[in-house]
Amino acid sequence: MDGQELKTNRGVPQGSVLSPMLFNIYIDDLVHKLANLEKKWTYGRRNSLRTQVWAYADDILVTGENDIFVQVLRKALDEWTASNGIEVNYQKSAIM
């Protein structure tokens, strides 16, 4: 960086002060999509599935109440990333 021009065709430069904010803006619709999935799954049920989404810099953490719903969240994430040109590094990811 250091005042030098850096051209990029995709993404944001590593270490840029704008990178975390731009990533959070970019994934905002994903966060809302996952929250809406919870609303659809809990409609008419007594208990919420307690989905939570945390995003910091270029990392995201998604939690779900049970195995079945976690798979639903994963499918929604895969669909969103495919349509938005992002790849999830599943070697650095885990489902617990």
C-alpha atoms as a PDB file:
ATOM      1  CA  MET A   1       0.000   0.000   0.000  1.00  0.00           C
ATOM      2  CA  ASP A   2       2.113   2.948   1.236  1.00  0.00           C
ATOM      3  CA  GLY A   3       0.488   5.400  -1.182  1.00  0.00           C
ATOM      4  CA  GLN A   4       1.131   3.223  -4.230  1.00  0.00           C
ATOM      5  CA  GLU A   5      -1.656   2.516  -6.672  1.00  0.00           C
ATOM      6  CA  LEU A   6      -2.795  -1.077  -6.574  1.00  0.00           C
ATOM      7  CA  LYS A   7      -5.108  -2.369  -9.277  1.00  0.00           C
ATOM      8  CA  THR A   8      -7.439  -5.252  -8.553  1.00  0.00           C
ATOM      9  CA  ASN A   9     -10.034  -6.982 -10.710  1.00  0.00           C
ATOM     10  CA  ARG A  10     -11.840  -8.657  -7.843  1.00  0.00           C
ATOM     11  CA  GLY A  11     -12.203  -8.188  -4.108  1.00  0.00           C
ATOM     12  CA  VAL A  12     -10.417  -5.638  -1.985  1.00  0.00           C
ATOM     13  CA  PRO A  13      -6.726  -5.394  -1.162  1.00  0.00           C
ATOM     14  CA  GLN A  14      -5.548  -7.393   1.846  1.00  0.00           C
ATOM     15  CA  GLY A  15      -4.871  -5.036   4.729  1.00  0.00           C
ATOM     16  CA  SER A  16      -6.886  -2.127   3.366  1.00  0.00           C
ATOM     17  CA  VAL A  17      -8.655  -0.158   6.086  1.00  0.00           C
ATOM     18  CA  LEU A  18     -11.801  -0.230   3.945  1.00  0.00           C
ATOM     19  CA  SER A  19     -11.821  -4.012   3.453  1.00  0.00           C
ATOM     20  CA  PRO A  20     -13.799  -4.973   6.589  1.00  0.00           C
ATOM     21  CA  MET A  21     -16.490  -2.347   5.978  1.00  0.00           C
ATOM     22  CA  LEU A  22     -16.807  -3.176   2.278  1.00  0.00           C
ATOM     23  CA  PHE A  23     -17.092  -6.905   3.064  1.00  0.00           C
ATOM     24  CA  ASN A  24     -19.838  -6.253   5.612  1.00  0.00           C
ATOM     25  CA  ILE A  25     -21.740  -4.108   3.104  1.00  0.00           C
ATOM     26  CA  TYR A  26     -21.329  -6.804   0.450  1.00  0.00           C
ATOM     27  CA  ILE A  27     -22.660  -9.628   2.639  1.00  0.00           C
ATOM     28  CA  ASP A  28     -25.492  -7.627   4.209  1.00  0.00           C
ATOM     29  CA  ASP A  29     -28.132  -9.370   2.075  1.00  0.00           C
ATOM     30  CA  LEU A  30     -26.703 -12.768   3.086  1.00  0.00           C
ATOM     31  CA  VAL A  31     -27.148 -11.895   6.764  1.00  0.00           C
ATOM     32  CA  HIS A  32     -30.766 -10.903   6.107  1.00  0.00           C
ATOM     33  CA  LYS A  33     -31.365 -14.038   4.012  1.00  0.00           C
ATOM     34  CA  LEU A  34     -30.170 -16.283   6.840  1.00  0.00           C
ATOM     35  CA  ALA A  35     -32.263 -14.394   9.407  1.00  0.00           C
ATOM     36  CA  ASN A  36     -35.347 -14.763   7.191  1.00  0.00           C
ATOM     37  CA  LEU A  37     -34.729 -18.513   6.923  1.00  0.00           C
ATOM     38  CA  GLU A  38     -35.020 -18.730  10.686  1.00  0.00           C
ATOM     39  CA  LYS A  39     -38.334 -16.864  10.577  1.00  0.00           C
ATOM     40  CA  LYS A  40     -39.673 -19.258   7.926  1.00  0.00           C
ATOM     41  CA  TRP A  41     -38.579 -22.354   9.854  1.00  0.00           C
ATOM     42  CA  THR A  42     -39.946 -21.147  13.186  1.00  0.00           C
ATOM     43  CA  TYR A  43     -43.303 -19.952  11.852  1.00  0.00           C
ATOM     44  CA  GLY A  44     -45.996 -21.582  13.950  1.00  0.00           C
ATOM     45  CA  ARG A  45     -43.502 -23.245  16.270  1.00  0.00           C
ATOM     46  CA  ARG A  46     -43.199 -22.509  19.925  1.00  0.00           C
ATOM     47  CA  ASN A  47     -39.407 -22.074  20.090  1.00  0.00           C
ATOM     48  CA  SER A  48     -37.027 -20.113  17.926  1.00  0.00           C
ATOM     49  CA  LEU A  49     -34.128 -21.912  16.246  1.00  0.00           C
ATOM     50  CA  ARG A  50     -31.779 -19.246  17.585  1.00  0.00           C
ATOM     51  CA  THR A  51     -29.785 -18.511  14.461  1.00  0.00           C
ATOM     52  CA  GLN A  52     -27.082 -15.936  14.900  1.00  0.00           C
ATOM     53  CA  VAL A  53     -24.744 -14.429  12.343  1.00  0.00           C
ATOM     54  CA  TRP A  54     -21.553 -12.615  13.279  1.00  0.00           C
ATOM     55  CA  ALA A  55     -19.321 -10.958  10.712  1.00  0.00           C
ATOM     56  CA  TYR A  56     -15.935  -9.393  11.362  1.00  0.00           C
ATOM     57  CA  ALA A  57     -13.514  -8.286   8.663  1.00  0.00           C
ATOM     58  CA  ASP A  58     -13.682 -11.147   6.128  1.00  0.00           C
ATOM     59  CA  ASP A  59     -14.871 -13.812   8.547  1.00  0.00           C
ATOM     60  CA  ILE A  60     -18.414 -14.920   9.229  1.00  0.00           C
ATOM     61  CA  LEU A  61     -19.824 -17.184  11.942  1.00  0.00           C
ATOM     62  CA  VAL A  62     -23.299 -18.673  11.595  1.00  0.00           C
ATOM     63  CA  THR A  63     -24.921 -20.694  14.357  1.00  0.00           C
ATOM     64  CA  GLY A  64     -28.022 -22.854  14.209  1.00  0.00           C
ATOM     65  CA  GLU A  65     -30.062 -24.725  16.783  1.00  0.00           C
ATOM     66  CA  ASN A  66     -29.916 -28.238  15.298  1.00  0.00           C
ATOM     67  CA  ASP A  67     -28.193 -30.331  12.630  1.00  0.00           C
ATOM     68  CA  ILE A  68     -31.037 -30.168  10.134  1.00  0.00           C
ATOM     69  CA  PHE A  69     -31.296 -26.395  10.282  1.00  0.00           C
ATOM     70  CA  VAL A  70     -27.497 -26.017  10.060  1.00  0.00           C
ATOM     71  CA  GLN A  71     -27.653 -27.943   6.761  1.00  0.00           C
ATOM     72  CA  VAL A  72     -30.406 -25.561   5.567  1.00  0.00           C
ATOM     73  CA  LEU A  73     -28.168 -22.627   6.486  1.00  0.00           C
ATOM     74  CA  ARG A  74     -25.224 -24.222   4.671  1.00  0.00           C
ATOM     75  CA  LYS A  75     -27.289 -24.725   1.512  1.00  0.00           C
ATOM     76  CA  ALA A  76     -28.442 -21.100   1.623  1.00  0.00           C
ATOM     77  CA  LEU A  77     -24.835 -19.962   2.116  1.00  0.00           C
ATOM     78  CA  ASP A  78     -23.659 -22.076  -0.834  1.00  0.00           C
ATOM     79  CA  GLU A  79     -26.416 -20.676  -3.070  1.00  0.00           C
ATOM     80  CA  TRP A  80     -25.608 -17.091  -2.049  1.00  0.00           C
ATOM     81  CA  THR A  81     -21.862 -17.478  -2.547  1.00  0.00           C
ATOM     82  CA  ALA A  82     -22.342 -19.103  -5.963  1.00  0.00           C
ATOM     83  CA  SER A  83     -24.546 -16.250  -7.153  1.00  0.00           C
ATOM     84  CA  ASN A  84     -22.256 -13.551  -5.681  1.00  0.00           C
ATOM     85  CA  GLY A  85     -18.866 -14.751  -6.872  1.00  0.00           C
ATOM     86  CA  ILE A  86     -17.455 -15.745  -3.481  1.00  0.00           C
ATOM     87  CA  GLU A  87     -16.005 -19.112  -2.555  1.00  0.00           C
ATOM     88  CA  VAL A  88     -16.106 -20.528   0.955  1.00  0.00           C
ATOM     89  CA  ASN A  89     -12.851 -22.109   2.032  1.00  0.00           C
ATOM     90  CA  TYR A  90     -14.270 -25.229   3.661  1.00  0.00           C
ATOM     91  CA  GLN A  91     -10.765 -26.332   4.665  1.00  0.00           C
ATOM     92  CA  LYS A  92     -10.732 -23.363   7.049  1.00  0.00           C
ATOM     93  CA  SER A  93     -14.380 -23.893   8.052  1.00  0.00           C
ATOM     94  CA  ALA A  94     -16.168 -26.278  10.375  1.00  0.00           C
ATOM     95  CA  ILE A  95     -19.632 -27.501  11.218  1.00  0.00           C
ATOM     96  CA  MET A  96     -19.809 -28.453  14.880  1.00  0.00           C
END
